[in-house]
Amino acid sequence: MRLVDLSHDIEHGMITYPGLPGPDIGEHLTFDASCEQYAAGTEFTIGRISMVSNTGTYLDTPAHRYRDGHDLAGLPLERCADLPAVVIDADGPIGVDAFSDVAVSGTAVLLRTGWDRHWGTERYGDPGHAHLTADGARALVDRGAALVGIDSVNIDATTTGERPAHSLLLGAGIPAVEHLTHLLELPATGARFTAVPPKVRGLATFPVRAFASVP
């Protein structure tokens, strides 16, 4: 069994999504300052981070879109851990035809567009990014997908204020994982996918360490 890391590194000041601030990473307690609190030769550091929850590779719960949707604390592990993965190669607008001959019920459907190659550049946030269409999202809902992920800047098109993929998926309780990477290392089927966020009450979205186990 081989483990494949599917998450971007989170770094001080990096930009995940255009218009959102990058994280501020620093120290609450330094090694030097800790020497005053512990025995000689014993030292610790305690870090701190201030960031928007949509940072790096992250998972959206229904509360990201709906006021009455469940948050991270209400996310069932069955929706985000050890799911059979189906990898779909697609680009541009991803519609229902991309899933026409694929069994997606109970799976993590991972949309492999290759857009992650632009990560860290201005091109990454370009409105021409790959995305899931309303018809594509509706098909995944109707066919029982457990989770949907994409290696692009947004699972929706961002040329208008409408967000049908988020609305349909999260409305059906299907979490969405955005900003995946390294999907090229996965087979079309046979891998298992995990992307578990911390159990934070009152937050709808949070970074995950997404990974796949590949036999």
N, C-alpha and C. Protein backbone atom coordinates (compact mmCIF):
# COMPACT_ATOMS: atom_id res chain seq x y z
N MET A 1 0.84 -1.19 0.00
CA MET A 1 0.00 0.00 0.00
C MET A 1 0.88 1.25 0.00
N ARG A 2 0.59 2.18 -0.90
CA ARG A 2 1.34 3.42 -1.01
C ARG A 2 0.41 4.58 -0.67
N LEU A 3 0.91 5.55 0.11
CA LEU A 3 0.13 6.73 0.46
C LEU A 3 0.55 7.90 -0.42
N VAL A 4 -0.44 8.59 -0.99
CA VAL A 4 -0.19 9.73 -1.87
C VAL A 4 -0.78 10.98 -1.23
N ASP A 5 0.08 11.96 -0.96
CA ASP A 5 -0.36 13.22 -0.37
C ASP A 5 -1.02 14.06 -1.46
N LEU A 6 -2.26 14.51 -1.21
CA LEU A 6 -3.03 15.26 -2.20
C LEU A 6 -3.28 16.70 -1.76
N SER A 7 -2.55 17.17 -0.76
CA SER A 7 -2.75 18.51 -0.22
C SER A 7 -1.59 19.44 -0.57
N HIS A 8 -1.92 20.72 -0.75
CA HIS A 8 -0.90 21.74 -0.88
C HIS A 8 -0.33 22.09 0.50
N ASP A 9 0.95 22.47 0.54
CA ASP A 9 1.52 23.02 1.76
C ASP A 9 0.84 24.35 2.10
N ILE A 10 0.67 24.59 3.39
CA ILE A 10 0.20 25.90 3.85
C ILE A 10 1.41 26.67 4.34
N GLU A 11 1.63 27.86 3.77
CA GLU A 11 2.79 28.68 4.09
C GLU A 11 2.36 30.08 4.47
N HIS A 12 3.22 30.74 5.25
CA HIS A 12 2.95 32.11 5.68
C HIS A 12 2.71 33.01 4.47
N GLY A 13 1.56 33.70 4.46
CA GLY A 13 1.27 34.70 3.46
C GLY A 13 0.81 34.19 2.11
N MET A 14 0.73 32.88 1.92
CA MET A 14 0.38 32.38 0.60
C MET A 14 -1.08 32.70 0.27
N ILE A 15 -1.38 32.81 -1.02
CA ILE A 15 -2.75 33.08 -1.46
C ILE A 15 -3.35 31.80 -2.02
N THR A 16 -4.49 31.41 -1.45
CA THR A 16 -5.22 30.25 -1.95
C THR A 16 -6.25 30.68 -2.99
N TYR A 17 -7.03 31.70 -2.64
CA TYR A 17 -8.12 32.14 -3.51
C TYR A 17 -8.03 33.66 -3.67
N PRO A 18 -8.14 34.17 -4.88
CA PRO A 18 -8.01 35.61 -5.10
C PRO A 18 -8.97 36.42 -4.22
N GLY A 19 -8.44 37.40 -3.53
CA GLY A 19 -9.26 38.25 -2.67
C GLY A 19 -9.28 37.85 -1.22
N LEU A 20 -8.83 36.63 -0.91
CA LEU A 20 -8.78 36.19 0.48
C LEU A 20 -7.35 36.33 1.00
N PRO A 21 -7.19 36.74 2.26
CA PRO A 21 -5.83 36.95 2.79
C PRO A 21 -5.11 35.63 3.02
N GLY A 22 -3.80 35.68 2.94
CA GLY A 22 -2.98 34.51 3.26
C GLY A 22 -2.84 34.33 4.76
N PRO A 23 -2.42 33.16 5.20
CA PRO A 23 -2.29 32.90 6.64
C PRO A 23 -1.11 33.64 7.26
N ASP A 24 -1.27 34.00 8.51
CA ASP A 24 -0.21 34.61 9.30
C ASP A 24 0.29 33.55 10.28
N ILE A 25 1.47 33.02 10.04
CA ILE A 25 2.01 31.92 10.84
C ILE A 25 3.18 32.45 11.66
N GLY A 26 3.15 32.19 12.95
CA GLY A 26 4.23 32.66 13.82
C GLY A 26 4.32 31.83 15.08
N GLU A 27 4.86 32.42 16.13
CA GLU A 27 5.06 31.71 17.40
C GLU A 27 4.33 32.43 18.53
N HIS A 28 3.63 31.68 19.33
CA HIS A 28 3.05 32.20 20.57
C HIS A 28 4.08 32.13 21.68
N LEU A 29 4.82 31.04 21.71
CA LEU A 29 5.89 30.85 22.69
C LEU A 29 7.13 30.38 21.94
N THR A 30 8.24 31.10 22.08
CA THR A 30 9.48 30.71 21.41
C THR A 30 10.28 29.75 22.29
N PHE A 31 11.23 29.05 21.67
CA PHE A 31 12.11 28.19 22.45
C PHE A 31 12.83 28.99 23.53
N ASP A 32 13.35 30.17 23.14
CA ASP A 32 14.09 30.98 24.10
C ASP A 32 13.22 31.38 25.28
N ALA A 33 11.99 31.82 24.99
CA ALA A 33 11.10 32.25 26.07
C ALA A 33 10.69 31.09 26.96
N SER A 34 10.60 29.91 26.40
CA SER A 34 10.16 28.75 27.20
C SER A 34 11.20 28.33 28.22
N CYS A 35 12.46 28.71 28.03
CA CYS A 35 13.51 28.31 28.96
C CYS A 35 13.27 28.84 30.37
N GLU A 36 12.49 29.92 30.45
CA GLU A 36 12.18 30.49 31.76
C GLU A 36 11.15 29.66 32.52
N GLN A 37 10.45 28.76 31.82
CA GLN A 37 9.35 28.02 32.43
C GLN A 37 9.69 26.56 32.73
N TYR A 38 10.79 26.05 32.15
CA TYR A 38 11.10 24.62 32.27
C TYR A 38 12.51 24.43 32.83
N ALA A 39 12.81 23.20 33.16
CA ALA A 39 14.12 22.86 33.71
C ALA A 39 15.21 23.11 32.67
N ALA A 40 16.42 23.28 33.15
CA ALA A 40 17.56 23.53 32.26
C ALA A 40 17.65 22.43 31.19
N GLY A 41 17.79 22.85 29.94
CA GLY A 41 17.90 21.89 28.84
C GLY A 41 16.57 21.44 28.27
N THR A 42 15.47 21.88 28.88
CA THR A 42 14.13 21.51 28.40
C THR A 42 13.48 22.74 27.81
N GLU A 43 13.11 22.67 26.54
CA GLU A 43 12.49 23.83 25.88
C GLU A 43 11.44 23.37 24.89
N PHE A 44 10.47 24.26 24.63
CA PHE A 44 9.37 23.97 23.73
C PHE A 44 9.05 25.21 22.91
N THR A 45 8.36 25.01 21.81
CA THR A 45 7.78 26.12 21.07
C THR A 45 6.30 25.84 20.88
N ILE A 46 5.49 26.88 20.93
CA ILE A 46 4.06 26.79 20.66
C ILE A 46 3.76 27.75 19.53
N GLY A 47 3.27 27.23 18.43
CA GLY A 47 2.99 28.05 17.27
C GLY A 47 1.61 28.67 17.32
N ARG A 48 1.39 29.59 16.40
CA ARG A 48 0.07 30.18 16.24
C ARG A 48 -0.15 30.42 14.75
N ILE A 49 -1.43 30.41 14.36
CA ILE A 49 -1.78 30.70 12.98
C ILE A 49 -3.09 31.46 12.96
N SER A 50 -3.14 32.50 12.16
CA SER A 50 -4.38 33.25 11.93
C SER A 50 -4.67 33.18 10.44
N MET A 51 -5.85 32.67 10.09
CA MET A 51 -6.14 32.47 8.68
C MET A 51 -7.64 32.38 8.47
N VAL A 52 -8.07 32.63 7.23
CA VAL A 52 -9.44 32.31 6.86
C VAL A 52 -9.53 30.80 6.72
N SER A 53 -10.71 30.27 6.94
CA SER A 53 -10.85 28.81 6.93
C SER A 53 -10.70 28.21 5.54
N ASN A 54 -10.89 29.03 4.50
CA ASN A 54 -10.69 28.57 3.12
C ASN A 54 -9.23 28.79 2.73
N THR A 55 -8.36 27.99 3.28
CA THR A 55 -6.92 28.12 3.05
C THR A 55 -6.34 26.76 2.68
N GLY A 56 -5.50 26.75 1.66
CA GLY A 56 -4.88 25.49 1.24
C GLY A 56 -5.90 24.54 0.63
N THR A 57 -5.69 23.27 0.84
CA THR A 57 -6.65 22.24 0.42
C THR A 57 -7.67 22.08 1.54
N TYR A 58 -8.94 22.35 1.25
CA TYR A 58 -9.92 22.38 2.33
C TYR A 58 -11.22 21.67 1.94
N LEU A 59 -12.00 21.39 2.97
CA LEU A 59 -13.29 20.72 2.80
C LEU A 59 -14.41 21.66 3.20
N ASP A 60 -15.44 21.72 2.34
CA ASP A 60 -16.65 22.49 2.62
C ASP A 60 -17.74 21.57 3.15
N THR A 61 -18.39 21.97 4.24
CA THR A 61 -19.58 21.28 4.72
C THR A 61 -20.81 22.08 4.30
N PRO A 62 -22.01 21.54 4.48
CA PRO A 62 -23.22 22.27 4.09
C PRO A 62 -23.36 23.65 4.71
N ALA A 63 -22.79 23.87 5.89
CA ALA A 63 -22.91 25.17 6.55
C ALA A 63 -22.16 26.26 5.79
N HIS A 64 -21.31 25.90 4.86
CA HIS A 64 -20.62 26.88 4.03
C HIS A 64 -21.59 27.59 3.09
N ARG A 65 -22.66 26.89 2.74
CA ARG A 65 -23.63 27.43 1.78
C ARG A 65 -25.00 27.71 2.41
N TYR A 66 -25.35 26.92 3.41
CA TYR A 66 -26.70 26.99 3.98
C TYR A 66 -26.65 27.30 5.48
N ARG A 67 -27.47 28.24 5.90
CA ARG A 67 -27.47 28.65 7.31
C ARG A 67 -27.87 27.53 8.25
N ASP A 68 -28.68 26.60 7.77
CA ASP A 68 -29.11 25.50 8.63
C ASP A 68 -28.34 24.21 8.35
N GLY A 69 -27.27 24.29 7.57
CA GLY A 69 -26.48 23.11 7.26
C GLY A 69 -25.55 22.74 8.40
N HIS A 70 -25.16 21.46 8.45
CA HIS A 70 -24.26 21.04 9.53
C HIS A 70 -22.84 21.57 9.28
N ASP A 71 -22.13 21.79 10.39
CA ASP A 71 -20.78 22.33 10.33
C ASP A 71 -19.75 21.22 10.41
N LEU A 72 -18.49 21.59 10.65
CA LEU A 72 -17.42 20.60 10.73
C LEU A 72 -17.64 19.58 11.83
N ALA A 73 -18.20 20.04 12.96
CA ALA A 73 -18.44 19.13 14.07
C ALA A 73 -19.52 18.10 13.74
N GLY A 74 -20.39 18.44 12.78
CA GLY A 74 -21.45 17.52 12.40
C GLY A 74 -21.12 16.65 11.21
N LEU A 75 -19.90 16.77 10.69
CA LEU A 75 -19.52 16.02 9.50
C LEU A 75 -19.33 14.55 9.83
N PRO A 76 -20.10 13.65 9.22
CA PRO A 76 -19.89 12.21 9.47
C PRO A 76 -18.56 11.74 8.88
N LEU A 77 -17.80 10.97 9.62
CA LEU A 77 -16.55 10.44 9.10
C LEU A 77 -16.78 9.57 7.87
N GLU A 78 -17.95 8.98 7.79
CA GLU A 78 -18.27 8.15 6.63
C GLU A 78 -18.30 8.95 5.33
N ARG A 79 -18.36 10.27 5.46
CA ARG A 79 -18.40 11.14 4.28
C ARG A 79 -17.02 11.60 3.84
N CYS A 80 -15.98 11.34 4.64
CA CYS A 80 -14.69 11.93 4.31
C CYS A 80 -13.49 11.03 4.61
N ALA A 81 -13.71 9.82 5.07
CA ALA A 81 -12.59 8.95 5.45
C ALA A 81 -12.69 7.59 4.79
N ASP A 82 -11.58 7.14 4.22
CA ASP A 82 -11.44 5.80 3.67
C ASP A 82 -12.53 5.47 2.65
N LEU A 83 -12.78 6.42 1.75
CA LEU A 83 -13.79 6.23 0.72
C LEU A 83 -13.15 5.64 -0.54
N PRO A 84 -13.83 4.73 -1.22
CA PRO A 84 -13.32 4.30 -2.53
C PRO A 84 -13.31 5.49 -3.48
N ALA A 85 -12.20 5.67 -4.18
CA ALA A 85 -12.04 6.85 -5.04
C ALA A 85 -12.27 6.49 -6.50
N VAL A 86 -12.97 7.40 -7.18
CA VAL A 86 -13.12 7.33 -8.63
C VAL A 86 -12.53 8.61 -9.20
N VAL A 87 -11.53 8.48 -10.03
CA VAL A 87 -10.84 9.65 -10.59
C VAL A 87 -11.33 9.88 -12.01
N ILE A 88 -11.81 11.10 -12.24
CA ILE A 88 -12.38 11.47 -13.54
C ILE A 88 -11.44 12.47 -14.22
N ASP A 89 -10.95 12.14 -15.38
CA ASP A 89 -10.13 13.07 -16.16
C ASP A 89 -11.05 14.00 -16.96
N ALA A 90 -10.92 15.28 -16.72
CA ALA A 90 -11.80 16.25 -17.39
C ALA A 90 -11.14 17.61 -17.37
N ASP A 91 -11.63 18.51 -18.22
CA ASP A 91 -11.11 19.87 -18.27
C ASP A 91 -12.24 20.80 -18.67
N GLY A 92 -12.04 22.10 -18.39
CA GLY A 92 -13.08 23.05 -18.75
C GLY A 92 -14.34 22.81 -17.94
N PRO A 93 -15.51 23.11 -18.50
CA PRO A 93 -16.77 22.79 -17.83
C PRO A 93 -16.98 21.28 -17.81
N ILE A 94 -17.17 20.71 -16.61
CA ILE A 94 -17.31 19.26 -16.45
C ILE A 94 -18.79 18.94 -16.29
N GLY A 95 -19.37 18.34 -17.31
CA GLY A 95 -20.80 18.05 -17.30
C GLY A 95 -21.11 16.60 -17.05
N VAL A 96 -22.38 16.25 -17.23
CA VAL A 96 -22.86 14.90 -16.92
C VAL A 96 -22.19 13.84 -17.77
N ASP A 97 -21.74 14.18 -18.97
CA ASP A 97 -21.12 13.18 -19.83
C ASP A 97 -19.84 12.60 -19.23
N ALA A 98 -19.19 13.35 -18.35
CA ALA A 98 -17.95 12.87 -17.75
C ALA A 98 -18.18 11.67 -16.84
N PHE A 99 -19.43 11.48 -16.39
CA PHE A 99 -19.73 10.39 -15.45
C PHE A 99 -20.67 9.35 -16.06
N SER A 100 -20.88 9.41 -17.37
CA SER A 100 -21.92 8.60 -18.00
C SER A 100 -21.71 7.10 -17.82
N ASP A 101 -20.46 6.65 -17.80
CA ASP A 101 -20.22 5.21 -17.68
C ASP A 101 -19.41 4.86 -16.45
N VAL A 102 -19.55 5.66 -15.39
CA VAL A 102 -18.78 5.46 -14.16
C VAL A 102 -19.72 5.25 -12.99
N ALA A 103 -19.45 4.24 -12.18
CA ALA A 103 -20.24 3.98 -10.98
C ALA A 103 -19.70 4.87 -9.86
N VAL A 104 -20.51 5.80 -9.37
CA VAL A 104 -20.03 6.77 -8.38
C VAL A 104 -20.73 6.63 -7.02
N SER A 105 -21.69 5.77 -6.88
CA SER A 105 -22.43 5.65 -5.62
C SER A 105 -21.49 5.27 -4.48
N GLY A 106 -21.53 6.07 -3.42
CA GLY A 106 -20.73 5.79 -2.24
C GLY A 106 -19.25 6.10 -2.38
N THR A 107 -18.86 6.78 -3.44
CA THR A 107 -17.44 7.02 -3.69
C THR A 107 -17.06 8.49 -3.48
N ALA A 108 -15.75 8.71 -3.38
CA ALA A 108 -15.19 10.05 -3.49
C ALA A 108 -14.88 10.27 -4.97
N VAL A 109 -15.60 11.17 -5.61
CA VAL A 109 -15.39 11.46 -7.02
C VAL A 109 -14.37 12.59 -7.10
N LEU A 110 -13.20 12.29 -7.66
CA LEU A 110 -12.10 13.25 -7.72
C LEU A 110 -11.92 13.71 -9.15
N LEU A 111 -12.12 14.99 -9.38
CA LEU A 111 -12.06 15.58 -10.72
C LEU A 111 -10.63 16.02 -11.01
N ARG A 112 -9.97 15.28 -11.89
CA ARG A 112 -8.56 15.52 -12.21
C ARG A 112 -8.48 16.38 -13.47
N THR A 113 -8.28 17.68 -13.26
CA THR A 113 -8.27 18.64 -14.37
C THR A 113 -6.87 19.11 -14.74
N GLY A 114 -5.92 18.93 -13.84
CA GLY A 114 -4.57 19.42 -14.07
C GLY A 114 -4.38 20.89 -13.74
N TRP A 115 -5.44 21.56 -13.24
CA TRP A 115 -5.33 22.99 -12.95
C TRP A 115 -4.36 23.27 -11.81
N ASP A 116 -4.08 22.29 -10.98
CA ASP A 116 -3.15 22.49 -9.86
C ASP A 116 -1.75 22.86 -10.33
N ARG A 117 -1.45 22.67 -11.62
CA ARG A 117 -0.14 23.06 -12.13
C ARG A 117 0.07 24.57 -12.05
N HIS A 118 -1.03 25.32 -11.91
CA HIS A 118 -0.95 26.78 -11.82
C HIS A 118 -0.86 27.28 -10.38
N TRP A 119 -0.90 26.36 -9.41
CA TRP A 119 -0.88 26.76 -8.00
C TRP A 119 0.30 27.71 -7.73
N GLY A 120 0.04 28.77 -6.97
CA GLY A 120 1.09 29.71 -6.63
C GLY A 120 1.37 30.76 -7.68
N THR A 121 0.56 30.77 -8.75
CA THR A 121 0.72 31.77 -9.81
C THR A 121 -0.58 32.55 -9.96
N GLU A 122 -0.52 33.70 -10.64
CA GLU A 122 -1.73 34.47 -10.90
C GLU A 122 -2.71 33.69 -11.77
N ARG A 123 -2.20 32.82 -12.60
CA ARG A 123 -3.04 32.03 -13.50
C ARG A 123 -4.00 31.12 -12.72
N TYR A 124 -3.62 30.71 -11.51
CA TYR A 124 -4.45 29.77 -10.74
C TYR A 124 -5.86 30.33 -10.52
N GLY A 125 -5.99 31.61 -10.27
CA GLY A 125 -7.29 32.20 -10.01
C GLY A 125 -8.02 32.69 -11.24
N ASP A 126 -7.51 32.39 -12.42
CA ASP A 126 -8.14 32.84 -13.65
C ASP A 126 -9.58 32.32 -13.77
N PRO A 127 -10.52 33.16 -14.21
CA PRO A 127 -11.92 32.71 -14.34
C PRO A 127 -12.12 31.57 -15.33
N GLY A 128 -11.12 31.29 -16.15
CA GLY A 128 -11.24 30.18 -17.08
C GLY A 128 -10.90 28.83 -16.50
N HIS A 129 -10.81 28.74 -15.18
CA HIS A 129 -10.44 27.49 -14.53
C HIS A 129 -11.47 26.38 -14.77
N ALA A 130 -11.00 25.15 -14.67
CA ALA A 130 -11.89 23.99 -14.78
C ALA A 130 -12.88 23.99 -13.61
N HIS A 131 -14.11 23.50 -13.88
CA HIS A 131 -15.15 23.49 -12.85
C HIS A 131 -16.24 22.49 -13.19
N LEU A 132 -17.07 22.20 -12.21
CA LEU A 132 -18.21 21.30 -12.37
C LEU A 132 -19.45 22.10 -12.72
N THR A 133 -20.19 21.66 -13.72
CA THR A 133 -21.40 22.36 -14.11
C THR A 133 -22.57 21.96 -13.22
N ALA A 134 -23.67 22.69 -13.35
CA ALA A 134 -24.88 22.36 -12.60
C ALA A 134 -25.38 20.96 -12.96
N ASP A 135 -25.41 20.63 -14.25
CA ASP A 135 -25.87 19.30 -14.67
C ASP A 135 -24.94 18.21 -14.14
N GLY A 136 -23.65 18.49 -14.15
CA GLY A 136 -22.71 17.51 -13.61
C GLY A 136 -22.90 17.29 -12.13
N ALA A 137 -23.09 18.38 -11.37
CA ALA A 137 -23.32 18.26 -9.93
C ALA A 137 -24.62 17.52 -9.64
N ARG A 138 -25.65 17.83 -10.41
CA ARG A 138 -26.94 17.17 -10.21
C ARG A 138 -26.83 15.67 -10.46
N ALA A 139 -26.06 15.29 -11.47
CA ALA A 139 -25.87 13.87 -11.77
C ALA A 139 -25.16 13.17 -10.62
N LEU A 140 -24.17 13.82 -10.02
CA LEU A 140 -23.45 13.20 -8.91
C LEU A 140 -24.34 13.07 -7.67
N VAL A 141 -25.20 14.05 -7.46
CA VAL A 141 -26.16 13.96 -6.36
C VAL A 141 -27.13 12.81 -6.61
N ASP A 142 -27.71 12.76 -7.80
CA ASP A 142 -28.70 11.73 -8.11
C ASP A 142 -28.12 10.33 -8.06
N ARG A 143 -26.82 10.20 -8.36
CA ARG A 143 -26.21 8.89 -8.41
C ARG A 143 -25.47 8.51 -7.14
N GLY A 144 -25.60 9.34 -6.10
CA GLY A 144 -25.17 8.93 -4.77
C GLY A 144 -23.71 9.08 -4.44
N ALA A 145 -23.02 10.05 -5.04
CA ALA A 145 -21.62 10.28 -4.65
C ALA A 145 -21.54 10.64 -3.17
N ALA A 146 -20.49 10.17 -2.49
CA ALA A 146 -20.32 10.46 -1.07
C ALA A 146 -19.58 11.77 -0.84
N LEU A 147 -18.68 12.12 -1.74
CA LEU A 147 -17.84 13.32 -1.64
C LEU A 147 -17.38 13.66 -3.05
N VAL A 148 -17.14 14.95 -3.30
CA VAL A 148 -16.62 15.37 -4.60
C VAL A 148 -15.43 16.29 -4.37
N GLY A 149 -14.32 16.02 -5.05
CA GLY A 149 -13.14 16.84 -4.93
C GLY A 149 -12.64 17.29 -6.29
N ILE A 150 -11.87 18.37 -6.31
CA ILE A 150 -11.34 18.90 -7.56
C ILE A 150 -9.98 19.54 -7.31
N ASP A 151 -9.11 19.50 -8.33
CA ASP A 151 -7.77 20.09 -8.21
C ASP A 151 -7.73 21.49 -8.82
N SER A 152 -8.82 22.22 -8.71
CA SER A 152 -8.95 23.55 -9.29
C SER A 152 -9.24 24.57 -8.20
N VAL A 153 -9.25 25.85 -8.58
CA VAL A 153 -9.42 26.93 -7.61
C VAL A 153 -10.84 26.98 -7.05
N ASN A 154 -11.80 26.44 -7.77
CA ASN A 154 -13.18 26.42 -7.29
C ASN A 154 -13.91 25.30 -8.00
N ILE A 155 -14.79 24.63 -7.30
CA ILE A 155 -15.56 23.57 -7.94
C ILE A 155 -16.64 24.15 -8.85
N ASP A 156 -16.98 25.41 -8.64
CA ASP A 156 -17.94 26.13 -9.48
C ASP A 156 -17.23 27.05 -10.46
N ALA A 157 -17.93 27.43 -11.50
CA ALA A 157 -17.49 28.54 -12.34
C ALA A 157 -17.54 29.82 -11.51
N THR A 158 -16.62 30.74 -11.78
CA THR A 158 -16.57 31.98 -10.99
C THR A 158 -16.78 33.22 -11.86
N THR A 159 -17.35 33.03 -13.04
CA THR A 159 -17.60 34.17 -13.93
C THR A 159 -18.87 34.92 -13.55
N THR A 160 -19.72 34.31 -12.74
CA THR A 160 -20.93 34.97 -12.23
C THR A 160 -21.00 34.73 -10.73
N GLY A 161 -22.02 35.26 -10.08
CA GLY A 161 -22.21 35.05 -8.65
C GLY A 161 -22.95 33.77 -8.32
N GLU A 162 -23.36 33.01 -9.32
CA GLU A 162 -24.07 31.76 -9.07
C GLU A 162 -23.08 30.66 -8.71
N ARG A 163 -23.51 29.76 -7.84
CA ARG A 163 -22.66 28.65 -7.42
C ARG A 163 -23.50 27.35 -7.38
N PRO A 164 -23.91 26.85 -8.55
CA PRO A 164 -24.80 25.68 -8.57
C PRO A 164 -24.17 24.40 -8.04
N ALA A 165 -22.87 24.19 -8.29
CA ALA A 165 -22.24 22.96 -7.80
C ALA A 165 -22.22 22.93 -6.28
N HIS A 166 -21.79 24.04 -5.67
CA HIS A 166 -21.84 24.12 -4.21
C HIS A 166 -23.27 23.92 -3.71
N SER A 167 -24.20 24.61 -4.34
CA SER A 167 -25.59 24.56 -3.87
C SER A 167 -26.16 23.15 -3.92
N LEU A 168 -25.95 22.46 -5.03
CA LEU A 168 -26.50 21.12 -5.19
C LEU A 168 -25.79 20.10 -4.31
N LEU A 169 -24.46 20.10 -4.32
CA LEU A 169 -23.72 19.12 -3.54
C LEU A 169 -23.93 19.31 -2.05
N LEU A 170 -23.71 20.53 -1.56
CA LEU A 170 -23.85 20.77 -0.12
C LEU A 170 -25.30 20.67 0.33
N GLY A 171 -26.22 21.01 -0.57
CA GLY A 171 -27.64 20.84 -0.23
C GLY A 171 -28.02 19.39 -0.03
N ALA A 172 -27.27 18.49 -0.66
CA ALA A 172 -27.52 17.06 -0.51
C ALA A 172 -26.63 16.43 0.57
N GLY A 173 -25.87 17.26 1.29
CA GLY A 173 -25.00 16.74 2.34
C GLY A 173 -23.71 16.14 1.83
N ILE A 174 -23.33 16.45 0.59
CA ILE A 174 -22.11 15.91 -0.01
C ILE A 174 -20.99 16.93 0.17
N PRO A 175 -19.96 16.63 0.96
CA PRO A 175 -18.88 17.59 1.14
C PRO A 175 -18.08 17.76 -0.14
N ALA A 176 -17.51 18.96 -0.29
CA ALA A 176 -16.68 19.27 -1.45
C ALA A 176 -15.26 19.59 -0.96
N VAL A 177 -14.28 19.01 -1.63
CA VAL A 177 -12.88 19.29 -1.31
C VAL A 177 -12.27 20.01 -2.51
N GLU A 178 -11.74 21.20 -2.25
CA GLU A 178 -11.17 22.02 -3.33
C GLU A 178 -9.67 22.17 -3.15
N HIS A 179 -8.98 22.50 -4.25
CA HIS A 179 -7.53 22.73 -4.26
C HIS A 179 -6.75 21.44 -3.99
N LEU A 180 -7.20 20.33 -4.51
CA LEU A 180 -6.42 19.10 -4.43
C LEU A 180 -5.20 19.21 -5.36
N THR A 181 -4.25 18.31 -5.16
CA THR A 181 -3.08 18.27 -6.04
C THR A 181 -2.56 16.84 -6.12
N HIS A 182 -1.69 16.59 -7.07
CA HIS A 182 -1.07 15.27 -7.28
C HIS A 182 -2.06 14.17 -7.64
N LEU A 183 -3.21 14.53 -8.18
CA LEU A 183 -4.16 13.49 -8.59
C LEU A 183 -3.62 12.63 -9.73
N LEU A 184 -2.61 13.12 -10.43
CA LEU A 184 -2.02 12.32 -11.51
C LEU A 184 -1.41 11.02 -11.00
N GLU A 185 -1.13 10.95 -9.70
CA GLU A 185 -0.53 9.76 -9.13
C GLU A 185 -1.55 8.67 -8.80
N LEU A 186 -2.83 8.96 -9.03
CA LEU A 186 -3.86 7.99 -8.66
C LEU A 186 -4.38 7.25 -9.88
N PRO A 187 -4.74 5.98 -9.70
CA PRO A 187 -5.41 5.24 -10.78
C PRO A 187 -6.86 5.69 -10.90
N ALA A 188 -7.50 5.33 -12.00
CA ALA A 188 -8.90 5.72 -12.20
C ALA A 188 -9.80 5.13 -11.12
N THR A 189 -9.52 3.93 -10.70
CA THR A 189 -10.25 3.29 -9.60
C THR A 189 -9.25 2.48 -8.78
N GLY A 190 -9.66 2.11 -7.59
CA GLY A 190 -8.83 1.24 -6.75
C GLY A 190 -8.19 1.93 -5.57
N ALA A 191 -8.05 3.25 -5.60
CA ALA A 191 -7.49 3.97 -4.46
C ALA A 191 -8.60 4.25 -3.44
N ARG A 192 -8.17 4.60 -2.24
CA ARG A 192 -9.12 5.01 -1.20
C ARG A 192 -8.70 6.40 -0.72
N PHE A 193 -9.71 7.25 -0.49
CA PHE A 193 -9.48 8.68 -0.27
C PHE A 193 -9.91 9.10 1.13
N THR A 194 -9.10 9.95 1.75
CA THR A 194 -9.40 10.50 3.07
C THR A 194 -9.08 11.99 3.09
N ALA A 195 -9.99 12.77 3.66
CA ALA A 195 -9.77 14.22 3.82
C ALA A 195 -10.57 14.66 5.05
N VAL A 196 -10.00 14.48 6.23
CA VAL A 196 -10.72 14.73 7.47
C VAL A 196 -10.27 16.06 8.08
N PRO A 197 -11.21 16.98 8.30
CA PRO A 197 -10.89 18.25 8.97
C PRO A 197 -11.04 18.08 10.49
N PRO A 198 -10.53 19.05 11.27
CA PRO A 198 -10.77 19.00 12.71
C PRO A 198 -12.25 19.22 13.02
N LYS A 199 -12.64 18.78 14.20
CA LYS A 199 -14.05 18.83 14.61
C LYS A 199 -14.33 20.17 15.29
N VAL A 200 -14.49 21.21 14.49
CA VAL A 200 -14.67 22.57 15.02
C VAL A 200 -16.15 22.96 14.93
N ARG A 201 -16.73 23.22 16.07
CA ARG A 201 -18.12 23.65 16.09
C ARG A 201 -18.22 25.12 15.69
N GLY A 202 -19.13 25.42 14.77
CA GLY A 202 -19.32 26.79 14.34
C GLY A 202 -18.53 27.19 13.10
N LEU A 203 -17.69 26.30 12.58
CA LEU A 203 -16.98 26.56 11.34
C LEU A 203 -17.49 25.61 10.26
N ALA A 204 -17.56 26.14 9.03
CA ALA A 204 -18.13 25.36 7.93
C ALA A 204 -17.07 24.74 7.03
N THR A 205 -15.88 25.32 7.04
CA THR A 205 -14.81 24.93 6.11
C THR A 205 -13.49 24.92 6.88
N PHE A 206 -12.58 24.01 6.50
CA PHE A 206 -11.27 24.01 7.14
C PHE A 206 -10.30 23.20 6.29
N PRO A 207 -8.99 23.56 6.37
CA PRO A 207 -8.00 22.77 5.65
C PRO A 207 -7.99 21.30 6.10
N VAL A 208 -7.62 20.44 5.17
CA VAL A 208 -7.52 19.01 5.43
C VAL A 208 -6.14 18.51 4.95
N ARG A 209 -5.70 17.40 5.51
CA ARG A 209 -4.56 16.68 4.93
C ARG A 209 -5.19 15.56 4.09
N ALA A 210 -5.46 15.87 2.85
CA ALA A 210 -6.07 14.90 1.95
C ALA A 210 -5.01 13.93 1.45
N PHE A 211 -5.37 12.65 1.43
CA PHE A 211 -4.43 11.66 0.91
C PHE A 211 -5.20 10.46 0.39
N ALA A 212 -4.51 9.66 -0.41
CA ALA A 212 -5.10 8.44 -0.94
C ALA A 212 -4.17 7.27 -0.66
N SER A 213 -4.74 6.13 -0.37
CA SER A 213 -3.98 4.91 -0.27
C SER A 213 -4.16 4.13 -1.56
N VAL A 214 -3.05 3.75 -2.17
CA VAL A 214 -3.07 3.10 -3.47
C VAL A 214 -2.46 1.72 -3.34
N PRO A 215 -3.20 0.67 -3.70
CA PRO A 215 -2.63 -0.68 -3.60
C PRO A 215 -1.55 -0.92 -4.64
